[in-house]
Protein backbone atom coordinates (compact mmCIF):
# COMPACT_ATOMS: atom_id res chain seq x y z
CA MET A 1 0.00 0.00 0.00
CA ALA A 2 1.24 3.38 -0.95
CA ARG A 3 0.87 6.24 1.43
CA ILE A 4 -0.26 9.52 0.05
CA ARG A 5 0.84 12.64 1.85
CA LEU A 6 -1.21 15.74 1.42
CA LYS A 7 0.49 18.97 2.24
CA ALA A 8 -1.85 21.75 3.30
CA HIS A 9 -1.05 25.17 1.98
CA TYR A 10 -0.59 27.56 4.88
CA THR A 11 0.22 31.23 4.64
CA PRO A 12 0.86 33.10 7.89
CA ILE A 13 -1.38 36.10 8.53
CA GLU A 14 1.61 38.43 8.39
CA LYS A 15 2.33 37.39 4.80
CA GLN A 16 -1.24 37.49 3.50
CA SER A 17 -2.16 40.19 1.05
CA PRO A 18 -4.13 43.19 2.40
CA LYS A 19 -7.29 42.12 0.55
CA ASN A 20 -7.53 39.08 2.84
CA LYS A 21 -7.15 41.07 6.05
CA LYS A 22 -10.00 42.72 7.86
CA ASP A 23 -9.19 45.68 10.05
CA VAL A 24 -10.96 44.98 13.31
CA SER A 25 -8.79 47.31 15.34
CA LYS A 26 -10.73 50.50 14.55
CA PRO A 27 -12.08 52.01 17.75
CA ILE A 28 -15.78 52.71 18.11
CA SER A 29 -16.57 56.41 18.31
CA ARG A 30 -18.10 57.83 21.48
CA GLN A 31 -21.25 58.79 19.62
CA MET A 32 -21.66 55.24 18.29
CA ARG A 33 -20.96 53.78 21.73
CA SER A 34 -23.53 56.05 23.41
CA LYS A 35 -26.14 55.13 20.79
CA MET A 36 -25.46 51.44 21.42
CA MET A 37 -25.77 51.94 25.18
CA GLU A 38 -28.94 53.99 24.69
CA LYS A 39 -30.56 51.15 22.76
CA ILE A 40 -29.54 48.63 25.36
CA ASP A 41 -30.79 50.84 28.17
CA ASP A 42 -34.17 51.42 26.50
CA ALA A 43 -34.59 47.71 25.89
CA SER A 44 -33.53 46.99 29.45
CA ILE A 45 -35.98 49.53 30.84
CA THR A 46 -38.82 48.05 28.76
CA ALA A 47 -38.00 44.56 30.03
CA GLN A 48 -37.90 45.76 33.64
CA VAL A 49 -41.26 47.52 33.25
CA LYS A 50 -42.86 44.40 31.78
CA MET A 51 -41.48 42.27 34.59
CA ALA A 52 -42.71 44.71 37.24
CA LEU A 53 -46.19 44.71 35.73
CA LEU A 54 -46.15 40.93 35.37
CA PHE A 55 -45.20 40.25 39.00
CA HIS A 56 -47.48 42.80 40.66
CA ARG A 57 -50.78 41.17 41.49
CA ALA A 58 -52.88 44.31 40.91
CA THR A 59 -51.71 45.01 37.35
CA SER A 60 -52.26 43.19 34.09
CA ALA A 61 -49.10 42.90 32.01
CA LEU A 62 -50.99 41.06 29.30
CA LYS A 63 -53.30 44.00 28.64
CA THR A 64 -50.50 46.60 28.74
CA SER A 65 -48.04 47.51 26.01
CA VAL A 66 -44.78 49.28 26.82
CA ALA A 67 -42.48 51.36 24.64
CA THR A 68 -39.32 53.20 25.72
CA LYS A 69 -37.47 55.95 23.86
CA ASP A 70 -34.60 57.87 25.47
CA GLY A 71 -35.77 56.87 28.95
CA ILE A 72 -39.33 58.05 28.36
CA VAL A 73 -41.68 55.11 28.92
CA THR A 74 -45.07 55.06 27.20
CA VAL A 75 -47.64 52.59 28.50
CA SER A 76 -50.96 51.89 26.87
CA GLY A 77 -53.70 49.33 27.17
CA LYS A 78 -56.68 48.70 29.42
CA ALA A 79 -56.82 49.23 33.17
CA LYS A 80 -59.60 47.90 35.39
CA ASN A 81 -59.90 51.24 37.21
CA THR A 82 -58.14 54.52 37.97
CA ALA A 83 -56.22 52.93 40.84
CA GLU A 84 -54.60 50.40 38.49
CA LYS A 85 -53.69 53.17 36.04
CA ASP A 86 -52.07 55.20 38.84
CA LEU A 87 -50.29 52.11 40.17
CA VAL A 88 -48.80 51.38 36.73
CA THR A 89 -47.49 54.95 36.55
CA LYS A 90 -45.96 54.61 40.04
CA LEU A 91 -44.36 51.21 39.32
CA VAL A 92 -42.87 52.44 36.04
CA SER A 93 -41.53 55.69 37.52
CA ASP A 94 -39.73 53.74 40.29
CA ILE A 95 -37.58 51.83 37.78
CA HIS A 96 -33.98 53.00 37.45
CA GLY A 97 -33.35 54.82 34.18
CA VAL A 98 -36.92 56.03 33.64
CA ASN A 99 -36.95 59.78 33.00
CA SER A 100 -40.71 60.17 32.64
CA VAL A 101 -43.87 58.14 32.15
CA VAL A 102 -46.58 58.75 29.54
CA ASN A 103 -49.67 56.78 30.52
CA HIS A 104 -52.20 56.30 27.71
CA MET A 105 -54.13 53.55 29.49
CA THR A 106 -57.92 53.54 29.28
CA GLN A 107 -60.40 52.11 31.75
CA GLU A 108 -62.43 49.03 30.87
């Protein structure tokens, strides 16, 4: 039996032509970084609001929609009464990162 040796072609990264290299060392600008953090923070705030509404026994997270933009949280949906609407506003305003609350909830 004859043995066949295959020799793999290997070129070190240092010797590769520039068209094969990707420059991943460019730093992210501060503006880009703050926009990325802003998106994460808004998404995080929305998630925290939904969790707070879900775990409080006097609120209905299923009947409430939440949107966050620049720390301003807008809630809408149906509340059983004025007390639930006020409670939602209070719960949302207590969450870290919330600048203001816009409550567009209506009573059933």
